[in-house]
Amino acid sequence: MMKQADKRNLSMIMDLYELTMANGYFNDGDIETRVAFDVFYRKNPDRGGFTIFAGLEQIVEYVQDLHFSEEDVAYLRSLHTFTDAFLEYLKTFRFHGDIYAFPEGTIMYPNEPVLTVIAPLIDAQLVETAILAQINHQSLVATKTARIVRAAEGKTVSDFGARRAHNMDAAVYGARASYIGGAAGTATVLAGQMFGIPVSGTMAHSWVMYYKDEFEAFKNYAVNYPDNTVLLVDTYDTIQSGIPNAIRVAHEILEPMGKRLKGIRIDSGDLAYQSSKVRKMLDSEGLTDCKIIVSNSLDEHTISSLNIQRACIDSYGVGERLITGATSDYSDDTLALLGAVYKIVAVEENGVFTPRIKISGTVEKITNPGLKKVYRIYDQNGKAKADLIAKAEEEIDMSSSFRFVDPKMPWRNLKFTNCTAKPLQIKIFENGKLVYELPTLEEIREYVKKQLEEEIWEEEQRFINPHVHYMDMTPDYYELKMGLLHEKGKAFEY
């Protein structure tokens, strides 16, 4: 299978500050000191109840291929910013740290480490931008697609977004993410070639407009593709022209060949009204098996509205609001972004990792310090009850009642009873070597589906006011965080 790095070196996809800091660390002799960085995010996109972790495979590709070519080093030298010794060091640089991450497709929540890098300081610093770029983009699109697929209530959803994507890479990897999120396929051919995603597509309005009349356009298309004739019927007038001509093609061109009109597509206007009217027109002509496909600025909110209106729609082609994560719900602070960040949480000192914490006047920006583990807590029915953050060395024993702390209400006396705990992070790289067998795209897709159907509460999947997933801490971890806050906060006493 093709890979992103097959034809180009993406190692220089990094912010300049990663290199300036690395240069400084190198000059100070801080090459082997190991540090830990966590990747986490603070808010679910679309004010939703969850996010889907996506992009891990591309992170693996990036880390495996990370190197600086002669051209890269020459360019960096031209900036007159870096020492010659550092530039020589980059010529033989390879990542040789450890990476832990959630399996791709895992349902994730704010403020938990979905990926952790434990590596020499320079190694850990240089991979920041590439890791965040993959997670932020693909996780956003996968999550948006899952919401759209849920709204479609079993009807087919396809990615039509390439032409509205932010660039060509966004189109290809957005298609991958949409498939993880539940889309049935994509119109993006390169995504089909690279990832084996089913591809589909028929015609644009230009095909219809090229010919002298609509019937001729439809007829020529049917002759070329008799086994897969789907006609775009809204170029001129859906009801008065498009559907009558489609019906005529079905009877006069396809049926004599022993073929059926597979579908029609509507790309504008009142989709609820038109689809209902079109369904009656098709059925009255014996075309009950002809599918009605719609497109045109769709997302979960417009699709939910169409369902309420009992629109006669079989399939949705979703474009810009899938591939960009945008929404038609323009209420306050609804943004098409995820916003994962990469923060240092520990530094190795004398063989022991010492926690680091970032303190902010904005409570949400205070980090969770130190090496840690994340567990998903399940009740007796296999439902995900909460996530639990623990110190890395802690043993979690759920054989009896287990006391935990809700960091938002630490005064409550809370216990997990009759629950099980599953660690979420797994080791991906060890000393720069891949030690994890990446799942197939189909396996990732099925993993997402299984979690949403069997483990994640329906209340968390609501579009409006979803239940907030509990993010709890062990008492020992909570005391570690509070101790650091008190220690570091002394410098700000008034």
Protein backbone atom coordinates (compact mmCIF):
# COMPACT_ATOMS: atom_id res chain seq x y z
CA MET A 1 0.00 0.00 0.00
CA MET A 2 1.20 3.52 -0.78
CA LYS A 3 2.39 5.69 2.10
CA GLN A 4 2.55 9.41 2.63
CA ALA A 5 6.35 9.35 2.79
CA ASP A 6 6.91 7.30 -0.38
CA LYS A 7 7.60 10.27 -2.66
CA ARG A 8 8.57 13.12 -0.36
CA ASN A 9 10.39 13.83 2.87
CA LEU A 10 8.04 15.40 5.42
CA SER A 11 10.57 15.67 8.22
CA MET A 12 10.65 19.47 8.04
CA ILE A 13 6.98 19.77 8.94
CA MET A 14 7.79 21.39 12.25
CA ASP A 15 7.60 24.82 13.81
CA LEU A 16 10.84 26.79 13.77
CA TYR A 17 10.83 26.98 17.56
CA GLU A 18 11.27 23.22 17.73
CA LEU A 19 14.58 23.64 15.93
CA THR A 20 15.69 26.73 17.82
CA MET A 21 15.01 24.99 21.12
CA ALA A 22 16.74 21.83 19.91
CA ASN A 23 19.75 23.89 18.85
CA GLY A 24 19.87 25.50 22.28
CA TYR A 25 19.57 22.19 24.08
CA PHE A 26 22.33 20.75 21.89
CA ASN A 27 24.66 23.67 22.57
CA ASP A 28 24.01 23.29 26.31
CA GLY A 29 24.85 19.59 26.14
CA ASP A 30 21.28 18.45 26.89
CA ILE A 31 21.15 15.66 24.32
CA GLU A 32 20.52 12.53 26.36
CA THR A 33 18.27 13.95 29.11
CA ARG A 34 14.92 12.21 28.75
CA VAL A 35 11.61 14.00 29.08
CA ALA A 36 7.93 13.12 28.78
CA PHE A 37 5.36 15.02 26.73
CA ASP A 38 1.61 14.35 26.71
CA VAL A 39 -0.81 15.02 23.87
CA PHE A 40 -4.30 15.95 25.04
CA TYR A 41 -7.12 18.32 24.12
CA ARG A 42 -9.43 20.47 26.22
CA LYS A 43 -12.81 20.49 24.46
CA ASN A 44 -14.71 18.13 22.20
CA PRO A 45 -15.48 19.62 18.78
CA ASP A 46 -19.06 20.77 18.14
CA ARG A 47 -19.65 20.80 21.92
CA GLY A 48 -20.04 17.03 21.57
CA GLY A 49 -19.69 14.30 24.17
CA PHE A 50 -16.66 12.50 22.74
CA THR A 51 -13.92 12.52 20.10
CA ILE A 52 -12.42 9.71 17.99
CA PHE A 53 -8.64 9.31 18.10
CA ALA A 54 -7.33 9.14 14.53
CA GLY A 55 -4.07 9.68 12.65
CA LEU A 56 -1.80 7.28 14.54
CA GLU A 57 -0.74 5.38 11.42
CA GLN A 58 0.54 8.58 9.80
CA ILE A 59 2.39 9.50 13.00
CA VAL A 60 4.13 6.13 12.85
CA GLU A 61 5.10 6.75 9.22
CA TYR A 62 6.46 10.19 10.08
CA VAL A 63 8.54 8.98 13.03
CA GLN A 64 9.96 6.05 11.08
CA ASP A 65 11.00 8.31 8.19
CA LEU A 66 12.20 11.25 10.30
CA HIS A 67 15.57 12.38 8.95
CA PHE A 68 17.20 15.53 7.59
CA SER A 69 18.45 15.44 4.03
CA GLU A 70 21.39 17.42 2.67
CA GLU A 71 18.87 19.85 1.18
CA ASP A 72 17.16 20.25 4.56
CA VAL A 73 20.42 20.99 6.33
CA ALA A 74 21.48 23.42 3.60
CA TYR A 75 18.24 25.34 4.00
CA LEU A 76 18.61 25.48 7.77
CA ARG A 77 22.17 26.72 7.35
CA SER A 78 20.89 29.54 5.13
CA LEU A 79 18.79 30.84 8.04
CA HIS A 80 22.01 31.74 9.93
CA THR A 81 20.36 30.61 13.17
CA PHE A 82 21.95 27.27 14.02
CA THR A 83 25.48 26.23 14.95
CA ASP A 84 27.49 24.11 12.54
CA ALA A 85 27.82 21.39 15.17
CA PHE A 86 24.04 21.16 15.53
CA LEU A 87 23.55 21.00 11.77
CA GLU A 88 26.08 18.18 11.54
CA TYR A 89 24.18 16.40 14.32
CA LEU A 90 20.94 16.65 12.31
CA LYS A 91 22.53 14.87 9.33
CA THR A 92 22.50 11.57 11.23
CA PHE A 93 19.49 12.24 13.44
CA ARG A 94 16.92 9.50 13.98
CA PHE A 95 14.19 9.33 16.59
CA HIS A 96 15.20 6.97 19.40
CA GLY A 97 12.56 7.44 22.05
CA ASP A 98 9.43 5.66 23.26
CA ILE A 99 5.86 6.50 22.24
CA TYR A 100 2.70 5.29 23.95
CA ALA A 101 -0.75 5.94 22.52
CA PHE A 102 -4.38 4.92 22.52
CA PRO A 103 -5.13 2.42 19.74
CA GLU A 104 -6.32 4.32 16.69
CA GLY A 105 -10.10 4.65 16.72
CA THR A 106 -10.36 4.81 20.53
CA ILE A 107 -13.10 7.08 21.84
CA MET A 108 -11.28 9.79 23.81
CA TYR A 109 -12.19 12.65 26.12
CA PRO A 110 -10.73 16.03 27.15
CA ASN A 111 -7.70 16.33 29.41
CA GLU A 112 -6.43 12.75 29.16
CA PRO A 113 -3.10 11.85 27.55
CA VAL A 114 -4.00 10.14 24.29
CA LEU A 115 -0.34 9.94 23.26
CA THR A 116 2.84 10.21 25.33
CA VAL A 117 6.38 10.69 24.06
CA ILE A 118 9.19 9.64 26.42
CA ALA A 119 12.44 10.43 24.68
CA PRO A 120 15.68 12.39 24.73
CA LEU A 121 14.86 16.08 24.92
CA ILE A 122 15.66 16.94 21.30
CA ASP A 123 13.84 13.89 19.93
CA ALA A 124 10.73 14.73 21.92
CA GLN A 125 10.81 18.35 20.83
CA LEU A 126 11.17 17.78 17.10
CA VAL A 127 8.10 15.56 16.62
CA GLU A 128 5.58 17.97 18.16
CA THR A 129 4.08 19.64 15.10
CA ALA A 130 3.71 16.51 12.98
CA ILE A 131 2.02 14.59 15.80
CA LEU A 132 -0.43 17.39 16.52
CA ALA A 133 -1.18 18.04 12.84
CA GLN A 134 -2.22 14.43 12.28
CA ILE A 135 -4.25 14.07 15.47
CA ASN A 136 -6.01 17.41 15.23
CA HIS A 137 -7.07 16.96 11.62
CA GLN A 138 -7.99 13.29 11.40
CA SER A 139 -9.62 13.14 14.84
CA LEU A 140 -11.77 16.14 13.97
CA VAL A 141 -12.96 14.64 10.66
CA ALA A 142 -13.51 11.15 12.09
CA THR A 143 -15.60 12.59 14.91
CA LYS A 144 -17.61 14.82 12.60
CA THR A 145 -18.30 11.87 10.32
CA ALA A 146 -19.47 9.70 13.23
CA ARG A 147 -21.96 12.41 14.16
CA ILE A 148 -23.19 12.64 10.57
CA VAL A 149 -23.49 8.86 10.27
CA ARG A 150 -25.47 8.76 13.52
CA ALA A 151 -27.82 11.43 12.19
CA ALA A 152 -28.32 9.44 8.97
CA GLU A 153 -29.91 6.60 10.98
CA GLY A 154 -28.61 3.74 8.88
CA LYS A 155 -28.67 5.46 5.51
CA THR A 156 -25.43 5.57 3.54
CA VAL A 157 -23.04 8.50 4.06
CA SER A 158 -20.23 9.13 1.57
CA ASP A 159 -17.36 11.63 1.61
CA PHE A 160 -17.78 14.19 -1.19
CA GLY A 161 -15.42 16.75 0.36
CA ALA A 162 -12.13 16.77 -1.58
CA ARG A 163 -12.77 19.97 -3.54
CA ARG A 164 -13.64 21.84 -0.34
CA ALA A 165 -10.77 20.48 1.74
CA HIS A 166 -8.10 22.86 2.99
CA ASN A 167 -5.53 21.30 0.65
CA MET A 168 -4.79 18.05 -1.17
CA ASP A 169 -3.40 16.26 1.89
CA ALA A 170 -6.47 17.29 3.86
CA ALA A 171 -8.64 15.75 1.15
CA VAL A 172 -6.80 12.41 1.21
CA TYR A 173 -6.36 12.05 4.96
CA GLY A 174 -9.78 13.52 5.59
CA ALA A 175 -11.20 10.72 3.46
CA ARG A 176 -9.27 8.20 5.56
CA ALA A 177 -10.60 9.75 8.76
CA SER A 178 -14.16 9.85 7.42
CA TYR A 179 -13.97 6.13 6.72
CA ILE A 180 -12.81 5.52 10.29
CA GLY A 181 -15.79 7.58 11.46
CA GLY A 182 -18.26 5.45 9.51
CA ALA A 183 -18.54 6.86 5.99
CA ALA A 184 -19.27 4.12 3.44
CA GLY A 185 -16.77 5.47 0.92
CA THR A 186 -15.21 8.49 -0.71
CA ALA A 187 -15.14 10.30 -4.02
CA THR A 188 -11.39 10.93 -3.62
CA VAL A 189 -9.55 8.54 -5.93
CA LEU A 190 -6.12 8.83 -4.27
CA ALA A 191 -7.66 7.90 -0.91
CA GLY A 192 -9.12 4.83 -2.55
CA GLN A 193 -5.74 3.93 -4.05
CA MET A 194 -3.78 4.53 -0.84
CA PHE A 195 -6.13 3.07 1.74
CA GLY A 196 -8.46 0.72 -0.11
CA ILE A 197 -11.52 2.84 0.68
CA PRO A 198 -14.47 2.20 -1.67
CA VAL A 199 -14.76 5.02 -4.21
CA SER A 200 -17.86 6.30 -5.94
CA GLY A 201 -18.85 9.12 -8.24
CA THR A 202 -20.93 9.78 -11.32
CA MET A 203 -21.26 13.17 -13.00
CA ALA A 204 -21.13 16.91 -12.41
CA HIS A 205 -23.46 19.59 -13.73
CA SER A 206 -20.91 20.24 -16.47
CA TRP A 207 -21.72 16.86 -18.06
CA VAL A 208 -25.37 17.83 -18.36
CA MET A 209 -24.59 21.35 -19.55
CA TYR A 210 -22.15 20.15 -22.24
CA TYR A 211 -24.83 18.40 -24.26
CA LYS A 212 -27.53 20.20 -26.21
CA ASP A 213 -30.27 18.95 -23.91
CA GLU A 214 -30.64 17.08 -20.64
CA PHE A 215 -32.07 13.90 -22.12
CA GLU A 216 -29.10 13.50 -24.45
CA ALA A 217 -26.72 13.97 -21.51
CA PHE A 218 -28.54 11.34 -19.47
CA LYS A 219 -28.77 8.94 -22.41
CA ASN A 220 -25.04 9.15 -23.16
CA TYR A 221 -24.20 8.56 -19.55
CA ALA A 222 -26.48 5.53 -19.35
CA VAL A 223 -24.94 4.06 -22.51
CA ASN A 224 -21.45 4.46 -21.01
CA TYR A 225 -22.36 3.18 -17.53
CA PRO A 226 -25.45 0.97 -17.83
CA ASP A 227 -24.65 -0.98 -14.65
CA ASN A 228 -24.19 2.10 -12.50
CA THR A 229 -26.40 4.85 -13.88
CA VAL A 230 -26.91 7.59 -11.31
CA LEU A 231 -28.19 10.83 -12.83
CA LEU A 232 -27.76 14.35 -11.47
CA VAL A 233 -31.26 15.78 -11.97
CA ASP A 234 -31.19 19.37 -10.67
CA THR A 235 -29.15 21.17 -13.35
CA TYR A 236 -32.26 22.86 -14.77
CA ASP A 237 -35.42 21.85 -12.90
CA THR A 238 -35.59 18.69 -10.80
CA ILE A 239 -39.34 18.11 -10.94
CA GLN A 240 -40.22 19.48 -14.38
CA SER A 241 -37.15 18.34 -16.30
CA GLY A 242 -34.62 16.22 -14.44
CA ILE A 243 -36.86 13.45 -13.17
CA PRO A 244 -38.98 13.14 -16.34
CA ASN A 245 -35.78 12.79 -18.39
CA ALA A 246 -34.34 10.29 -15.92
CA ILE A 247 -37.53 8.22 -16.12
CA ARG A 248 -37.40 8.35 -19.91
CA VAL A 249 -33.79 7.11 -19.89
CA ALA A 250 -34.76 4.31 -17.51
CA HIS A 251 -37.53 3.09 -19.84
CA GLU A 252 -36.11 3.84 -23.28
CA ILE A 253 -32.37 3.21 -22.80
CA LEU A 254 -31.71 1.01 -19.78
CA GLU A 255 -34.67 -1.36 -19.69
CA PRO A 256 -34.19 -2.55 -23.31
CA MET A 257 -30.64 -3.46 -22.21
CA GLY A 258 -32.00 -5.38 -19.23
CA LYS A 259 -30.66 -2.73 -16.83
CA ARG A 260 -32.20 -0.60 -14.10
CA LEU A 261 -31.77 3.06 -13.22
CA LYS A 262 -29.63 2.79 -10.10
CA GLY A 263 -30.22 6.25 -8.66
CA ILE A 264 -30.71 9.96 -9.02
CA ARG A 265 -28.91 12.75 -7.16
CA ILE A 266 -30.29 16.12 -6.04
CA ASP A 267 -27.73 18.80 -5.19
CA SER A 268 -29.83 21.90 -4.45
CA GLY A 269 -33.15 23.26 -3.31
CA ASP A 270 -35.58 21.98 -0.69
CA LEU A 271 -34.31 18.44 -0.28
CA ALA A 272 -37.18 17.29 1.93
CA TYR A 273 -39.89 18.46 -0.46
CA GLN A 274 -38.09 17.40 -3.61
CA SER A 275 -37.15 13.93 -2.37
CA SER A 276 -40.75 13.18 -1.36
CA LYS A 277 -42.08 14.41 -4.70
CA VAL A 278 -39.40 12.53 -6.65
CA ARG A 279 -40.06 9.30 -4.75
CA LYS A 280 -43.70 9.38 -5.80
CA MET A 281 -42.76 10.13 -9.41
CA LEU A 282 -40.27 7.27 -9.56
CA ASP A 283 -42.54 4.78 -7.82
CA SER A 284 -45.44 5.58 -10.15
CA GLU A 285 -43.19 4.55 -13.06
CA GLY A 286 -42.17 1.27 -11.46
CA LEU A 287 -38.75 2.55 -10.39
CA THR A 288 -39.18 1.66 -6.73
CA ASP A 289 -35.60 0.37 -6.58
CA CYS A 290 -34.10 3.66 -7.81
CA LYS A 291 -32.19 5.29 -4.94
CA ILE A 292 -32.44 8.99 -4.08
CA ILE A 293 -29.07 10.51 -3.22
CA VAL A 294 -28.71 14.09 -1.96
CA SER A 295 -25.82 16.46 -1.38
CA ASN A 296 -25.48 20.23 -0.79
CA SER A 297 -23.90 21.54 2.46
CA LEU A 298 -25.11 18.72 4.66
CA ASP A 299 -24.09 17.92 8.23
CA GLU A 300 -25.62 16.16 11.23
CA HIS A 301 -28.00 19.04 11.94
CA THR A 302 -29.42 19.32 8.43
CA ILE A 303 -29.67 15.54 8.12
CA SER A 304 -31.50 15.32 11.46
CA SER A 305 -33.91 17.98 10.20
CA LEU A 306 -34.51 16.01 7.00
CA ASN A 307 -35.31 12.94 9.08
CA ILE A 308 -37.83 14.90 11.13
CA GLN A 309 -39.44 16.05 7.88
CA ARG A 310 -39.59 12.40 6.71
CA ALA A 311 -37.59 13.09 3.60
CA CYS A 312 -37.42 10.18 1.15
CA ILE A 313 -33.64 9.92 0.98
CA ASP A 314 -31.53 6.77 0.67
CA SER A 315 -28.01 8.16 0.71
CA TYR A 316 -26.10 11.32 1.63
CA GLY A 317 -23.04 12.77 -0.05
CA VAL A 318 -21.44 15.11 2.48
CA GLY A 319 -18.81 17.61 1.41
CA GLU A 320 -17.32 20.65 3.08
CA ARG A 321 -18.86 20.20 6.52
CA LEU A 322 -17.45 16.69 6.76
CA ILE A 323 -13.98 17.31 5.36
CA THR A 324 -13.45 20.53 7.34
CA GLY A 325 -15.42 19.58 10.45
CA ALA A 326 -17.55 22.71 10.07
CA THR A 327 -21.13 22.92 11.29
CA SER A 328 -24.40 24.57 10.33
CA ASP A 329 -25.06 25.28 14.01
CA TYR A 330 -23.64 28.80 14.25
CA SER A 331 -24.21 29.31 17.97
CA ASP A 332 -21.45 30.76 20.11
CA ASP A 333 -18.04 29.03 20.38
CA THR A 334 -18.88 26.33 17.83
CA LEU A 335 -15.58 25.96 16.03
CA ALA A 336 -14.29 23.58 13.38
CA LEU A 337 -11.21 22.52 15.34
CA LEU A 338 -9.98 20.05 17.91
CA GLY A 339 -7.05 21.89 19.48
CA ALA A 340 -4.89 19.08 20.86
CA VAL A 341 -1.72 20.34 22.55
CA TYR A 342 1.71 18.90 23.38
CA LYS A 343 2.93 19.66 26.90
CA ILE A 344 5.97 18.56 28.88
CA VAL A 345 4.92 16.62 32.00
CA ALA A 346 8.16 15.17 33.40
CA VAL A 347 11.97 15.42 33.22
CA GLU A 348 14.35 12.62 34.14
CA GLU A 349 16.65 13.57 37.00
CA ASN A 350 19.11 11.02 38.41
CA GLY A 351 17.20 8.18 36.79
CA VAL A 352 13.82 9.29 38.12
CA PHE A 353 11.16 11.24 36.22
CA THR A 354 10.27 14.41 38.13
CA PRO A 355 6.80 15.85 37.39
CA ARG A 356 6.35 19.23 35.70
CA ILE A 357 3.15 21.26 35.75
CA LYS A 358 1.95 24.30 33.82
CA ILE A 359 -0.07 26.74 35.94
CA SER A 360 -2.43 29.19 34.29
CA GLY A 361 -4.96 31.84 35.28
CA THR A 362 -7.32 29.85 33.07
CA VAL A 363 -8.16 26.71 35.04
CA GLU A 364 -8.63 24.62 31.89
CA LYS A 365 -5.02 25.28 30.91
CA ILE A 366 -3.49 23.81 34.07
CA THR A 367 -1.83 20.56 32.98
CA ASN A 368 -1.90 17.10 34.55
CA PRO A 369 1.72 16.50 35.61
CA GLY A 370 3.99 13.50 35.65
CA LEU A 371 4.12 10.04 34.10
CA LYS A 372 0.67 8.54 34.27
CA LYS A 373 -1.65 5.82 33.10
CA VAL A 374 -5.20 6.19 31.83
CA TYR A 375 -7.82 3.54 32.45
CA ARG A 376 -11.33 3.17 31.10
CA ILE A 377 -13.69 2.02 33.82
CA TYR A 378 -16.54 -0.30 32.78
CA ASP A 379 -19.64 -1.23 34.72
CA GLN A 380 -21.10 -4.75 34.93
CA ASN A 381 -22.86 -4.27 31.59
CA GLY A 382 -19.70 -3.30 29.72
CA LYS A 383 -20.60 0.38 29.53
CA ALA A 384 -17.79 2.93 29.89
CA LYS A 385 -18.53 4.54 33.23
CA ALA A 386 -15.57 6.93 33.47
CA ASP A 387 -11.88 7.37 32.66
CA LEU A 388 -9.34 7.30 35.47
CA ILE A 389 -5.90 8.94 35.62
CA ALA A 390 -3.35 7.24 37.87
CA LYS A 391 0.33 7.58 38.64
CA ALA A 392 2.41 5.43 36.31
CA GLU A 393 3.56 3.09 39.08
CA GLU A 394 0.14 2.61 40.70
CA GLU A 395 -1.62 -0.75 40.65
CA ILE A 396 -5.34 -0.49 39.97
CA ASP A 397 -7.28 -3.25 41.74
CA MET A 398 -11.01 -3.31 41.01
CA SER A 399 -11.66 -6.64 42.78
CA SER A 400 -13.28 -4.65 45.57
CA SER A 401 -14.58 -1.11 45.91
CA PHE A 402 -12.03 1.38 44.59
CA ARG A 403 -11.91 4.93 45.93
CA PHE A 404 -11.35 7.75 43.43
CA VAL A 405 -11.46 11.55 43.27
CA ASP A 406 -13.61 13.71 41.03
CA PRO A 407 -11.20 16.67 40.52
CA LYS A 408 -14.13 19.03 39.98
CA MET A 409 -15.70 18.02 43.31
CA PRO A 410 -12.85 16.55 45.37
CA TRP A 411 -14.79 16.67 48.64
CA ARG A 412 -17.11 13.85 47.54
CA ASN A 413 -16.44 10.34 48.84
CA LEU A 414 -16.66 8.25 45.67
CA LYS A 415 -15.99 4.59 44.88
CA PHE A 416 -16.14 2.29 41.87
CA THR A 417 -17.98 -0.91 42.76
CA ASN A 418 -18.32 -4.04 40.60
CA CYS A 419 -16.29 -2.40 37.84
CA THR A 420 -13.38 -3.37 35.61
CA ALA A 421 -10.48 -1.20 34.43
CA LYS A 422 -8.74 -1.32 31.04
CA PRO A 423 -5.48 0.59 30.43
CA LEU A 424 -5.82 2.69 27.30
CA GLN A 425 -2.27 3.53 26.26
CA ILE A 426 -0.12 0.89 24.56
CA LYS A 427 3.55 1.06 23.56
CA ILE A 428 4.03 2.03 19.91
CA PHE A 429 7.79 2.75 19.74
CA GLU A 430 10.59 1.53 21.99
CA ASN A 431 14.01 3.15 21.54
CA GLY A 432 12.88 4.38 18.15
CA LYS A 433 11.78 0.94 16.93
CA LEU A 434 8.16 0.19 16.06
CA VAL A 435 6.95 -2.52 18.47
CA TYR A 436 3.25 -2.37 17.65
CA GLU A 437 1.40 -4.05 14.82
CA LEU A 438 -0.79 -1.41 13.22
CA PRO A 439 -4.39 -2.48 12.64
CA THR A 440 -5.95 -2.32 9.20
CA LEU A 441 -8.26 0.53 8.32
CA GLU A 442 -11.20 -1.88 8.39
CA GLU A 443 -10.22 -3.00 11.91
CA ILE A 444 -10.03 0.61 13.10
CA ARG A 445 -13.43 1.36 11.56
CA GLU A 446 -15.01 -1.68 13.24
CA TYR A 447 -13.39 -0.77 16.57
CA VAL A 448 -15.03 2.67 16.44
CA LYS A 449 -18.39 1.13 15.56
CA LYS A 450 -18.17 -1.40 18.40
CA GLN A 451 -17.39 1.24 21.00
CA LEU A 452 -20.21 3.54 19.92
CA GLU A 453 -22.74 0.71 19.77
CA GLU A 454 -21.73 -1.26 22.87
CA GLU A 455 -19.60 0.80 25.26
CA ILE A 456 -20.35 4.52 24.98
CA TRP A 457 -23.56 5.77 26.57
CA GLU A 458 -26.30 7.01 24.26
CA GLU A 459 -26.41 10.14 26.42
CA GLU A 460 -22.82 10.99 25.47
CA GLN A 461 -23.70 10.72 21.78
CA ARG A 462 -26.44 13.36 21.85
CA PHE A 463 -25.84 16.38 19.60
CA ILE A 464 -27.38 18.81 22.09
CA ASN A 465 -26.26 18.92 25.74
CA PRO A 466 -24.53 15.52 25.76
CA HIS A 467 -23.66 13.86 29.04
CA VAL A 468 -20.15 14.82 30.16
CA HIS A 469 -17.92 11.75 30.52
CA TYR A 470 -16.37 11.58 33.98
CA MET A 471 -12.60 12.14 34.12
CA ASP A 472 -11.49 10.97 37.55
CA MET A 473 -8.19 10.56 39.38
CA THR A 474 -6.80 8.15 41.92
CA PRO A 475 -6.30 9.74 45.34
CA ASP A 476 -2.51 9.44 44.98
CA TYR A 477 -2.49 11.13 41.61
CA TYR A 478 -4.81 13.90 42.81
CA GLU A 479 -2.51 14.56 45.79
CA LEU A 480 0.50 14.71 43.43
CA LYS A 481 -1.19 17.35 41.31
CA MET A 482 -2.41 19.40 44.26
CA GLY A 483 1.02 19.25 45.90
CA LEU A 484 2.68 20.65 42.79
CA LEU A 485 0.03 23.37 42.48
CA HIS A 486 0.64 24.45 46.06
CA GLU A 487 4.42 24.29 45.63
CA LYS A 488 4.56 26.23 42.37
CA GLY A 489 1.74 28.57 43.34
CA LYS A 490 3.76 30.00 46.25
CA ALA A 491 5.66 32.12 43.77
CA PHE A 492 2.44 33.96 42.98
CA GLU A 493 1.32 34.81 46.52
CA TYR A 494 -0.06 38.34 46.88
